[in-house]
N, C-alpha and C. Protein backbone atom coordinates (compact mmCIF):
# COMPACT_ATOMS: atom_id res chain seq x y z
N MET A 1 87.07 100.80 103.02
CA MET A 1 87.83 99.64 102.61
C MET A 1 87.73 99.51 101.10
N LYS A 2 88.85 99.49 100.42
CA LYS A 2 88.88 99.36 98.96
C LYS A 2 89.54 98.03 98.61
N ILE A 3 88.71 97.06 98.23
CA ILE A 3 89.24 95.72 97.93
C ILE A 3 89.62 95.63 96.46
N SER A 4 90.86 95.25 96.22
CA SER A 4 91.32 94.91 94.88
C SER A 4 91.15 93.41 94.73
N ALA A 5 90.18 92.97 93.92
CA ALA A 5 89.97 91.55 93.68
C ALA A 5 90.91 91.11 92.57
N ILE A 6 91.75 90.14 92.87
CA ILE A 6 92.78 89.68 91.93
C ILE A 6 92.53 88.21 91.62
N LEU A 7 92.15 87.94 90.37
CA LEU A 7 91.92 86.56 89.93
C LEU A 7 93.23 85.99 89.41
N LEU A 8 93.72 84.96 90.09
CA LEU A 8 94.97 84.30 89.71
C LEU A 8 94.65 83.18 88.72
N SER A 9 94.96 83.40 87.46
CA SER A 9 94.57 82.41 86.44
C SER A 9 95.64 82.23 85.37
N ALA A 10 96.88 82.11 85.83
CA ALA A 10 97.98 81.90 84.89
C ALA A 10 98.65 80.55 85.07
N GLY A 11 98.09 79.70 85.94
CA GLY A 11 98.71 78.40 86.23
C GLY A 11 98.82 77.51 85.01
N LEU A 12 99.75 76.57 85.09
CA LEU A 12 100.03 75.68 83.95
C LEU A 12 99.20 74.41 83.93
N SER A 13 98.39 74.16 84.95
CA SER A 13 97.51 72.98 85.01
C SER A 13 98.30 71.68 84.86
N LEU A 14 99.46 71.58 85.48
CA LEU A 14 100.31 70.41 85.30
C LEU A 14 99.67 69.13 85.81
N ARG A 15 98.93 69.19 86.90
CA ARG A 15 98.30 67.98 87.42
C ARG A 15 97.17 67.49 86.53
N MET A 16 96.57 68.40 85.77
CA MET A 16 95.45 68.04 84.90
C MET A 16 95.92 67.44 83.58
N GLY A 17 97.08 67.85 83.11
CA GLY A 17 97.57 67.34 81.84
C GLY A 17 97.05 68.12 80.64
N GLU A 18 96.13 69.05 80.87
CA GLU A 18 95.61 69.95 79.84
C GLU A 18 95.18 71.23 80.54
N ASP A 19 94.83 72.25 79.77
CA ASP A 19 94.46 73.52 80.38
C ASP A 19 93.09 73.39 81.04
N LYS A 20 93.10 73.15 82.34
CA LYS A 20 91.84 72.91 83.05
C LYS A 20 90.92 74.12 83.02
N LEU A 21 91.47 75.32 82.94
CA LEU A 21 90.62 76.50 82.97
C LEU A 21 89.78 76.65 81.70
N LEU A 22 90.13 75.90 80.66
CA LEU A 22 89.34 75.94 79.43
C LEU A 22 88.33 74.79 79.37
N LEU A 23 88.29 73.95 80.41
CA LEU A 23 87.31 72.87 80.47
C LEU A 23 85.92 73.44 80.74
N ASP A 24 84.92 72.79 80.20
CA ASP A 24 83.54 73.24 80.30
C ASP A 24 82.88 72.75 81.59
N TYR A 25 82.10 73.64 82.18
CA TYR A 25 81.20 73.25 83.27
C TYR A 25 79.88 73.98 83.04
N SER A 26 78.84 73.25 82.76
CA SER A 26 77.50 73.80 82.53
C SER A 26 77.48 74.90 81.48
N GLY A 27 78.19 74.68 80.38
CA GLY A 27 78.11 75.59 79.25
C GLY A 27 79.10 76.73 79.21
N ALA A 28 80.01 76.80 80.16
CA ALA A 28 81.05 77.83 80.15
C ALA A 28 82.34 77.23 80.69
N SER A 29 83.47 77.74 80.23
CA SER A 29 84.75 77.24 80.74
C SER A 29 84.94 77.71 82.19
N LEU A 30 85.80 77.03 82.90
CA LEU A 30 86.10 77.44 84.28
C LEU A 30 86.62 78.87 84.30
N PHE A 31 87.41 79.24 83.29
CA PHE A 31 87.94 80.60 83.20
C PHE A 31 86.83 81.62 82.97
N GLU A 32 85.90 81.32 82.08
CA GLU A 32 84.78 82.23 81.83
C GLU A 32 83.93 82.41 83.09
N ARG A 33 83.72 81.33 83.83
CA ARG A 33 82.93 81.42 85.06
C ARG A 33 83.64 82.30 86.09
N ALA A 34 84.96 82.14 86.20
CA ALA A 34 85.71 82.94 87.16
C ALA A 34 85.70 84.42 86.78
N ILE A 35 85.80 84.70 85.49
CA ILE A 35 85.74 86.09 85.01
C ILE A 35 84.36 86.69 85.31
N ALA A 36 83.32 85.91 85.08
CA ALA A 36 81.95 86.39 85.34
C ALA A 36 81.77 86.71 86.83
N LEU A 37 82.28 85.85 87.70
CA LEU A 37 82.21 86.10 89.14
C LEU A 37 82.98 87.37 89.49
N LEU A 38 84.19 87.50 88.97
CA LEU A 38 85.01 88.67 89.24
C LEU A 38 84.28 89.95 88.86
N ALA A 39 83.63 89.93 87.70
CA ALA A 39 82.91 91.12 87.20
C ALA A 39 81.74 91.50 88.10
N GLN A 40 81.17 90.54 88.82
CA GLN A 40 79.99 90.80 89.67
C GLN A 40 80.35 91.23 91.09
N LEU A 41 81.58 91.05 91.50
CA LEU A 41 81.95 91.33 92.89
C LEU A 41 81.83 92.82 93.22
N PRO A 42 81.28 93.12 94.40
CA PRO A 42 81.15 94.52 94.84
C PRO A 42 82.46 95.01 95.46
N VAL A 43 83.46 95.25 94.60
CA VAL A 43 84.79 95.63 95.06
C VAL A 43 85.26 96.91 94.38
N TYR A 44 86.37 97.43 94.85
CA TYR A 44 86.95 98.67 94.34
C TYR A 44 87.49 98.50 92.91
N GLU A 45 88.20 97.40 92.66
CA GLU A 45 88.74 97.12 91.33
C GLU A 45 88.85 95.62 91.12
N ARG A 46 88.88 95.23 89.84
CA ARG A 46 88.92 93.82 89.44
C ARG A 46 90.08 93.61 88.49
N ILE A 47 90.98 92.70 88.88
CA ILE A 47 92.19 92.43 88.09
C ILE A 47 92.25 90.94 87.81
N VAL A 48 92.55 90.58 86.58
CA VAL A 48 92.80 89.18 86.25
C VAL A 48 94.25 89.06 85.80
N VAL A 49 94.98 88.16 86.46
CA VAL A 49 96.36 87.87 86.08
C VAL A 49 96.31 86.55 85.33
N THR A 50 96.66 86.60 84.06
CA THR A 50 96.53 85.42 83.22
C THR A 50 97.59 85.43 82.12
N THR A 51 97.54 84.43 81.27
CA THR A 51 98.46 84.35 80.14
C THR A 51 97.81 84.96 78.90
N LYS A 52 98.64 85.32 77.96
CA LYS A 52 98.14 85.89 76.70
C LYS A 52 97.22 84.89 75.99
N GLU A 53 97.60 83.61 76.01
CA GLU A 53 96.82 82.58 75.34
C GLU A 53 95.41 82.45 75.92
N ARG A 54 95.30 82.46 77.23
CA ARG A 54 93.98 82.37 77.87
C ARG A 54 93.18 83.63 77.62
N CYS A 55 93.84 84.75 77.70
CA CYS A 55 93.17 86.04 77.51
C CYS A 55 92.51 86.12 76.13
N GLU A 56 93.14 85.51 75.15
CA GLU A 56 92.61 85.55 73.78
C GLU A 56 91.39 84.65 73.60
N LYS A 57 91.10 83.80 74.57
CA LYS A 57 90.01 82.83 74.43
C LYS A 57 88.70 83.27 75.09
N VAL A 58 88.69 84.45 75.69
CA VAL A 58 87.47 84.92 76.36
C VAL A 58 87.22 86.40 76.02
N ASN A 59 85.97 86.77 76.16
CA ASN A 59 85.60 88.18 76.07
C ASN A 59 85.61 88.74 77.48
N LEU A 60 86.47 89.69 77.71
CA LEU A 60 86.60 90.26 79.05
C LEU A 60 85.72 91.49 79.20
N PRO A 61 84.95 91.57 80.29
CA PRO A 61 84.13 92.76 80.54
C PRO A 61 85.02 93.98 80.76
N SER A 62 84.50 95.15 80.46
CA SER A 62 85.28 96.38 80.58
C SER A 62 85.67 96.70 82.02
N CYS A 63 84.97 96.13 83.00
CA CYS A 63 85.28 96.41 84.40
C CYS A 63 86.47 95.59 84.92
N VAL A 64 87.01 94.72 84.07
CA VAL A 64 88.12 93.85 84.47
C VAL A 64 89.40 94.32 83.78
N ARG A 65 90.44 94.52 84.57
CA ARG A 65 91.75 94.90 84.04
C ARG A 65 92.62 93.66 83.94
N VAL A 66 93.33 93.52 82.84
CA VAL A 66 94.18 92.35 82.60
C VAL A 66 95.64 92.69 82.88
N VAL A 67 96.29 91.79 83.60
CA VAL A 67 97.73 91.84 83.79
C VAL A 67 98.26 90.51 83.26
N LEU A 68 99.13 90.58 82.26
CA LEU A 68 99.65 89.35 81.66
C LEU A 68 100.83 88.81 82.47
N ASN A 69 100.80 87.51 82.68
CA ASN A 69 101.90 86.82 83.35
C ASN A 69 102.69 86.11 82.24
N HIS A 70 103.87 86.61 81.95
CA HIS A 70 104.71 86.02 80.90
C HIS A 70 105.61 84.91 81.45
N ASN A 71 105.55 84.68 82.76
CA ASN A 71 106.40 83.66 83.39
C ASN A 71 105.60 82.76 84.32
N PRO A 72 104.54 82.11 83.82
CA PRO A 72 103.73 81.29 84.72
C PRO A 72 104.48 80.11 85.32
N GLN A 73 105.58 79.71 84.69
CA GLN A 73 106.35 78.58 85.20
C GLN A 73 106.98 78.88 86.56
N ILE A 74 107.07 80.15 86.93
CA ILE A 74 107.62 80.52 88.24
C ILE A 74 106.70 80.04 89.35
N GLY A 75 105.41 79.99 89.07
CA GLY A 75 104.44 79.55 90.06
C GLY A 75 103.48 80.66 90.46
N GLN A 76 102.60 80.33 91.39
CA GLN A 76 101.55 81.25 91.80
C GLN A 76 102.11 82.56 92.36
N SER A 77 103.28 82.50 92.95
CA SER A 77 103.87 83.72 93.52
C SER A 77 104.07 84.80 92.47
N GLU A 78 104.36 84.43 91.23
CA GLU A 78 104.54 85.42 90.17
C GLU A 78 103.23 86.13 89.86
N SER A 79 102.13 85.39 89.83
CA SER A 79 100.82 86.02 89.60
C SER A 79 100.44 86.92 90.76
N ILE A 80 100.74 86.49 91.98
CA ILE A 80 100.47 87.33 93.15
C ILE A 80 101.28 88.61 93.06
N ARG A 81 102.56 88.49 92.74
CA ARG A 81 103.43 89.67 92.63
C ARG A 81 102.89 90.65 91.58
N LEU A 82 102.52 90.13 90.42
CA LEU A 82 102.00 90.99 89.35
C LEU A 82 100.70 91.66 89.75
N GLY A 83 99.79 90.90 90.35
CA GLY A 83 98.50 91.46 90.76
C GLY A 83 98.64 92.52 91.83
N VAL A 84 99.44 92.23 92.85
CA VAL A 84 99.65 93.17 93.95
C VAL A 84 100.34 94.44 93.44
N SER A 85 101.31 94.28 92.55
CA SER A 85 102.02 95.43 92.01
C SER A 85 101.10 96.35 91.22
N ASP A 86 100.06 95.80 90.61
CA ASP A 86 99.13 96.57 89.80
C ASP A 86 97.98 97.15 90.63
N ALA A 87 97.68 96.55 91.76
CA ALA A 87 96.50 96.91 92.55
C ALA A 87 96.67 98.24 93.27
N GLN A 88 95.54 98.94 93.43
CA GLN A 88 95.53 100.25 94.09
C GLN A 88 94.72 100.26 95.39
N GLY A 89 94.13 99.13 95.75
CA GLY A 89 93.24 99.08 96.90
C GLY A 89 93.95 99.04 98.24
N THR A 90 93.14 99.06 99.29
CA THR A 90 93.64 98.95 100.66
C THR A 90 93.71 97.49 101.11
N HIS A 91 93.09 96.61 100.32
CA HIS A 91 93.06 95.17 100.61
C HIS A 91 93.16 94.41 99.29
N PHE A 92 93.75 93.21 99.37
CA PHE A 92 93.89 92.36 98.20
C PHE A 92 93.08 91.07 98.43
N MET A 93 92.15 90.80 97.55
CA MET A 93 91.36 89.57 97.62
C MET A 93 91.84 88.67 96.48
N PHE A 94 92.39 87.50 96.84
CA PHE A 94 92.94 86.59 95.85
C PHE A 94 91.95 85.47 95.56
N LEU A 95 91.47 85.44 94.32
CA LEU A 95 90.58 84.39 93.86
C LEU A 95 91.35 83.47 92.93
N VAL A 96 90.91 82.22 92.86
CA VAL A 96 91.47 81.28 91.90
C VAL A 96 90.38 80.93 90.89
N ALA A 97 90.79 80.51 89.72
CA ALA A 97 89.83 80.29 88.64
C ALA A 97 89.28 78.87 88.60
N ASP A 98 89.68 78.04 89.54
CA ASP A 98 89.21 76.65 89.51
C ASP A 98 88.22 76.32 90.62
N GLN A 99 87.40 77.32 90.99
CA GLN A 99 86.30 77.12 91.93
C GLN A 99 84.99 77.47 91.20
N PRO A 100 84.52 76.60 90.31
CA PRO A 100 83.41 76.95 89.41
C PRO A 100 82.06 77.16 90.07
N LYS A 101 81.87 76.73 91.30
CA LYS A 101 80.57 76.91 91.97
C LYS A 101 80.52 78.15 92.85
N LEU A 102 81.64 78.84 92.95
CA LEU A 102 81.70 80.03 93.80
C LEU A 102 80.78 81.12 93.26
N SER A 103 80.12 81.83 94.17
CA SER A 103 79.17 82.88 93.78
C SER A 103 79.35 84.08 94.69
N VAL A 104 78.79 85.20 94.27
CA VAL A 104 78.83 86.41 95.10
C VAL A 104 78.15 86.13 96.44
N SER A 105 77.01 85.44 96.43
CA SER A 105 76.30 85.19 97.69
C SER A 105 77.12 84.31 98.63
N ALA A 106 77.90 83.37 98.09
CA ALA A 106 78.76 82.54 98.94
C ALA A 106 79.89 83.35 99.54
N LEU A 107 80.30 84.41 98.85
CA LEU A 107 81.40 85.25 99.32
C LEU A 107 80.97 86.37 100.24
N GLU A 108 79.68 86.68 100.28
CA GLU A 108 79.19 87.80 101.10
C GLU A 108 79.60 87.70 102.57
N PRO A 109 79.48 86.52 103.21
CA PRO A 109 79.90 86.47 104.62
C PRO A 109 81.39 86.78 104.81
N ILE A 110 82.22 86.37 103.87
CA ILE A 110 83.65 86.64 103.96
C ILE A 110 83.92 88.13 103.77
N LEU A 111 83.25 88.73 102.80
CA LEU A 111 83.40 90.16 102.57
C LEU A 111 82.89 90.97 103.77
N ASN A 112 81.80 90.53 104.38
CA ASN A 112 81.26 91.22 105.56
C ASN A 112 82.23 91.16 106.74
N VAL A 113 82.81 89.99 106.97
CA VAL A 113 83.78 89.85 108.07
C VAL A 113 85.00 90.72 107.80
N ALA A 114 85.45 90.75 106.55
CA ALA A 114 86.61 91.59 106.20
C ALA A 114 86.31 93.06 106.45
N GLN A 115 85.09 93.50 106.12
CA GLN A 115 84.71 94.90 106.35
C GLN A 115 84.75 95.24 107.84
N LYS A 116 84.35 94.31 108.68
CA LYS A 116 84.30 94.55 110.13
C LYS A 116 85.66 94.34 110.80
N ASN A 117 86.59 93.69 110.10
CA ASN A 117 87.91 93.39 110.65
C ASN A 117 88.99 93.77 109.64
N PRO A 118 89.13 95.05 109.33
CA PRO A 118 90.01 95.47 108.25
C PRO A 118 91.50 95.22 108.49
N ASP A 119 91.88 94.92 109.73
CA ASP A 119 93.28 94.65 110.02
C ASP A 119 93.61 93.16 109.95
N LYS A 120 92.62 92.32 109.65
CA LYS A 120 92.80 90.86 109.65
C LYS A 120 92.94 90.29 108.24
N ILE A 121 93.61 89.14 108.17
CA ILE A 121 93.63 88.32 106.96
C ILE A 121 92.39 87.44 107.07
N VAL A 122 91.47 87.57 106.14
CA VAL A 122 90.19 86.88 106.22
C VAL A 122 90.11 85.84 105.10
N PHE A 123 89.64 84.65 105.45
CA PHE A 123 89.56 83.55 104.48
C PHE A 123 88.47 82.58 104.90
N PRO A 124 87.93 81.82 103.95
CA PRO A 124 86.91 80.83 104.31
C PRO A 124 87.54 79.59 104.94
N ILE A 125 86.79 78.97 105.82
CA ILE A 125 87.15 77.65 106.36
C ILE A 125 86.16 76.67 105.77
N VAL A 126 86.67 75.70 105.03
CA VAL A 126 85.84 74.70 104.37
C VAL A 126 86.18 73.33 104.95
N CYS A 127 85.20 72.74 105.62
CA CYS A 127 85.40 71.43 106.27
C CYS A 127 86.64 71.45 107.17
N GLY A 128 86.79 72.53 107.93
CA GLY A 128 87.87 72.62 108.90
C GLY A 128 89.20 73.10 108.36
N LYS A 129 89.29 73.38 107.05
CA LYS A 129 90.56 73.78 106.44
C LYS A 129 90.44 75.14 105.77
N PRO A 130 91.53 75.95 105.85
CA PRO A 130 91.52 77.24 105.14
C PRO A 130 91.39 77.02 103.63
N SER A 131 90.69 77.93 102.98
CA SER A 131 90.46 77.81 101.54
C SER A 131 90.62 79.18 100.90
N SER A 132 90.31 79.25 99.63
CA SER A 132 90.31 80.49 98.86
C SER A 132 88.87 80.92 98.66
N PRO A 133 88.66 82.20 98.46
CA PRO A 133 89.63 83.29 98.35
C PRO A 133 89.97 83.91 99.70
N ALA A 134 91.18 84.46 99.78
CA ALA A 134 91.64 85.12 101.00
C ALA A 134 91.74 86.61 100.75
N ILE A 135 91.52 87.40 101.80
CA ILE A 135 91.62 88.86 101.72
C ILE A 135 92.73 89.30 102.67
N PHE A 136 93.72 89.99 102.11
CA PHE A 136 94.87 90.48 102.88
C PHE A 136 94.85 92.01 102.92
N PRO A 137 95.03 92.61 104.12
CA PRO A 137 95.22 94.05 104.16
C PRO A 137 96.51 94.42 103.42
N ALA A 138 96.54 95.62 102.84
CA ALA A 138 97.72 96.06 102.08
C ALA A 138 98.97 96.16 102.94
N ARG A 139 98.84 96.16 104.26
CA ARG A 139 100.03 96.18 105.11
C ARG A 139 100.90 94.94 104.90
N PHE A 140 100.33 93.89 104.25
CA PHE A 140 101.09 92.68 103.95
C PHE A 140 101.68 92.70 102.53
N LYS A 141 101.67 93.86 101.91
CA LYS A 141 102.15 93.97 100.53
C LYS A 141 103.58 93.45 100.39
N ASP A 142 104.48 93.86 101.28
CA ASP A 142 105.87 93.42 101.18
C ASP A 142 106.00 91.90 101.32
N GLU A 143 105.24 91.31 102.23
CA GLU A 143 105.27 89.86 102.41
C GLU A 143 104.73 89.14 101.17
N LEU A 144 103.67 89.70 100.59
CA LEU A 144 103.10 89.10 99.38
C LEU A 144 104.07 89.19 98.21
N LEU A 145 104.73 90.32 98.08
CA LEU A 145 105.70 90.50 97.00
C LEU A 145 106.93 89.62 97.18
N ALA A 146 107.21 89.20 98.40
CA ALA A 146 108.39 88.38 98.68
C ALA A 146 108.14 86.88 98.51
N LEU A 147 106.89 86.48 98.25
CA LEU A 147 106.60 85.06 98.07
C LEU A 147 107.38 84.52 96.87
N SER A 148 107.66 83.21 96.90
CA SER A 148 108.37 82.61 95.77
C SER A 148 107.78 81.25 95.46
N GLY A 149 108.05 80.79 94.25
CA GLY A 149 107.59 79.47 93.82
C GLY A 149 106.08 79.39 93.69
N ASP A 150 105.54 78.23 93.99
CA ASP A 150 104.11 77.99 93.79
C ASP A 150 103.33 78.14 95.09
N MET A 151 103.85 78.97 95.99
CA MET A 151 103.18 79.17 97.27
C MET A 151 102.32 80.42 97.23
N GLY A 152 101.16 80.32 97.83
CA GLY A 152 100.29 81.47 97.99
C GLY A 152 100.53 82.10 99.35
N GLY A 153 99.49 82.63 99.94
CA GLY A 153 99.61 83.35 101.21
C GLY A 153 99.60 82.50 102.45
N ARG A 154 99.63 81.19 102.29
CA ARG A 154 99.58 80.28 103.45
C ARG A 154 100.70 80.56 104.45
N ASP A 155 101.91 80.78 103.94
CA ASP A 155 103.04 81.04 104.86
C ASP A 155 102.86 82.35 105.62
N ILE A 156 102.23 83.32 104.98
CA ILE A 156 101.97 84.59 105.67
C ILE A 156 100.95 84.37 106.77
N ARG A 157 99.91 83.60 106.49
CA ARG A 157 98.92 83.28 107.54
C ARG A 157 99.59 82.58 108.71
N ARG A 158 100.48 81.64 108.42
CA ARG A 158 101.17 80.91 109.49
C ARG A 158 102.06 81.84 110.31
N ALA A 159 102.66 82.83 109.66
CA ALA A 159 103.57 83.75 110.36
C ALA A 159 102.81 84.75 111.23
N PHE A 160 101.53 85.00 110.92
CA PHE A 160 100.74 85.98 111.66
C PHE A 160 99.40 85.39 112.10
N PRO A 161 99.41 84.30 112.89
CA PRO A 161 98.14 83.66 113.25
C PRO A 161 97.20 84.57 114.03
N GLU A 162 97.77 85.51 114.80
CA GLU A 162 96.94 86.43 115.58
C GLU A 162 96.19 87.42 114.70
N LEU A 163 96.58 87.54 113.44
CA LEU A 163 95.92 88.47 112.51
C LEU A 163 95.04 87.75 111.50
N CYS A 164 94.76 86.48 111.76
CA CYS A 164 93.93 85.68 110.85
C CYS A 164 92.52 85.54 111.38
N PHE A 165 91.57 85.54 110.46
CA PHE A 165 90.17 85.37 110.81
C PHE A 165 89.56 84.42 109.79
N GLY A 166 89.35 83.17 110.21
CA GLY A 166 88.72 82.18 109.35
C GLY A 166 87.21 82.22 109.50
N VAL A 167 86.51 82.13 108.38
CA VAL A 167 85.05 82.19 108.36
C VAL A 167 84.52 80.83 107.92
N GLU A 168 83.88 80.12 108.84
CA GLU A 168 83.29 78.81 108.50
C GLU A 168 82.17 79.02 107.49
N VAL A 169 82.27 78.32 106.35
CA VAL A 169 81.26 78.51 105.30
C VAL A 169 80.05 77.62 105.55
N GLN A 170 78.89 78.10 105.09
CA GLN A 170 77.64 77.37 105.28
C GLN A 170 77.48 76.24 104.27
N SER A 171 78.03 76.43 103.07
CA SER A 171 77.86 75.44 102.00
C SER A 171 79.22 75.10 101.38
N PRO A 172 79.90 74.09 101.93
CA PRO A 172 81.24 73.75 101.45
C PRO A 172 81.30 73.45 99.95
N CYS A 173 80.21 72.93 99.37
CA CYS A 173 80.25 72.59 97.94
C CYS A 173 80.44 73.83 97.06
N ASP A 174 80.09 75.02 97.57
CA ASP A 174 80.30 76.25 96.80
C ASP A 174 81.78 76.55 96.60
N PHE A 175 82.63 75.99 97.47
CA PHE A 175 84.06 76.31 97.45
C PHE A 175 84.92 75.18 96.90
N VAL A 176 84.30 74.18 96.30
CA VAL A 176 85.06 73.06 95.75
C VAL A 176 86.02 73.58 94.68
N ASP A 177 87.25 73.05 94.70
CA ASP A 177 88.17 73.46 93.65
C ASP A 177 88.61 72.23 92.85
N ILE A 178 88.93 72.50 91.60
CA ILE A 178 89.24 71.44 90.64
C ILE A 178 90.75 71.38 90.44
N ASP A 179 91.38 70.33 91.00
CA ASP A 179 92.82 70.18 90.86
C ASP A 179 93.23 69.16 89.82
N ASP A 180 92.39 68.15 89.64
CA ASP A 180 92.78 67.08 88.72
C ASP A 180 91.54 66.53 88.00
N LEU A 181 91.75 65.57 87.14
CA LEU A 181 90.67 65.01 86.33
C LEU A 181 89.60 64.35 87.20
N GLU A 182 90.00 63.75 88.29
CA GLU A 182 89.04 63.12 89.20
C GLU A 182 88.09 64.17 89.79
N ASP A 183 88.65 65.31 90.21
CA ASP A 183 87.81 66.41 90.73
C ASP A 183 86.85 66.90 89.66
N TYR A 184 87.35 67.05 88.43
CA TYR A 184 86.52 67.55 87.33
C TYR A 184 85.39 66.58 87.01
N ASN A 185 85.69 65.28 86.98
CA ASN A 185 84.65 64.30 86.71
C ASN A 185 83.61 64.28 87.82
N ARG A 186 84.06 64.42 89.07
CA ARG A 186 83.13 64.45 90.20
C ARG A 186 82.24 65.69 90.10
N LEU A 187 82.79 66.81 89.69
CA LEU A 187 82.03 68.05 89.51
C LEU A 187 80.93 67.84 88.48
N ASN A 188 81.26 67.24 87.36
CA ASN A 188 80.29 67.03 86.29
C ASN A 188 79.25 65.96 86.62
N ASP A 189 79.59 65.06 87.53
CA ASP A 189 78.63 64.04 87.97
C ASP A 189 77.52 64.65 88.80
N HIS A 190 77.74 65.86 89.36
CA HIS A 190 76.77 66.48 90.24
C HIS A 190 76.05 67.68 89.60
N ILE A 191 76.02 67.72 88.28
CA ILE A 191 75.32 68.82 87.59
C ILE A 191 73.83 68.59 87.71
């Protein structure tokens, strides 16, 4: 199994009102934390899909390949399309950059389940709901490339429920994501 880990980090942060990925959490920006996690993952390749402006604000490790998204206004589907088009693996793991507490150890159970179920779409279940990151077999490449707007792989999961494998996480706080200022303030209140 060759997992292409694709960090989707070209969003416009419209709900935040400012570039949330450049906000600080415990001494590093959310973007820097996501890049550090990506660099540590035991995967076949590591790709970050981002904007030129964000790319210029961080030092990227040599193990991470950059794909620039020149049209982030199209939505998350454009970053997925760019990442999948660049990836060479047998599976695509989509990470988002606004989960600052995520760690390799939190992802190990998901990676283990994916290894044992290579034909399944594998994703964490957090408090009863599907979350990120999700791992898709490359057989879904056409469906991923056909996504549009700001939708991720949710519609693909709905279309193929028999091929989905949700993994209940042990520590939901590891998977918290930051969508707005209230989420960010709550995150910083728990440092």
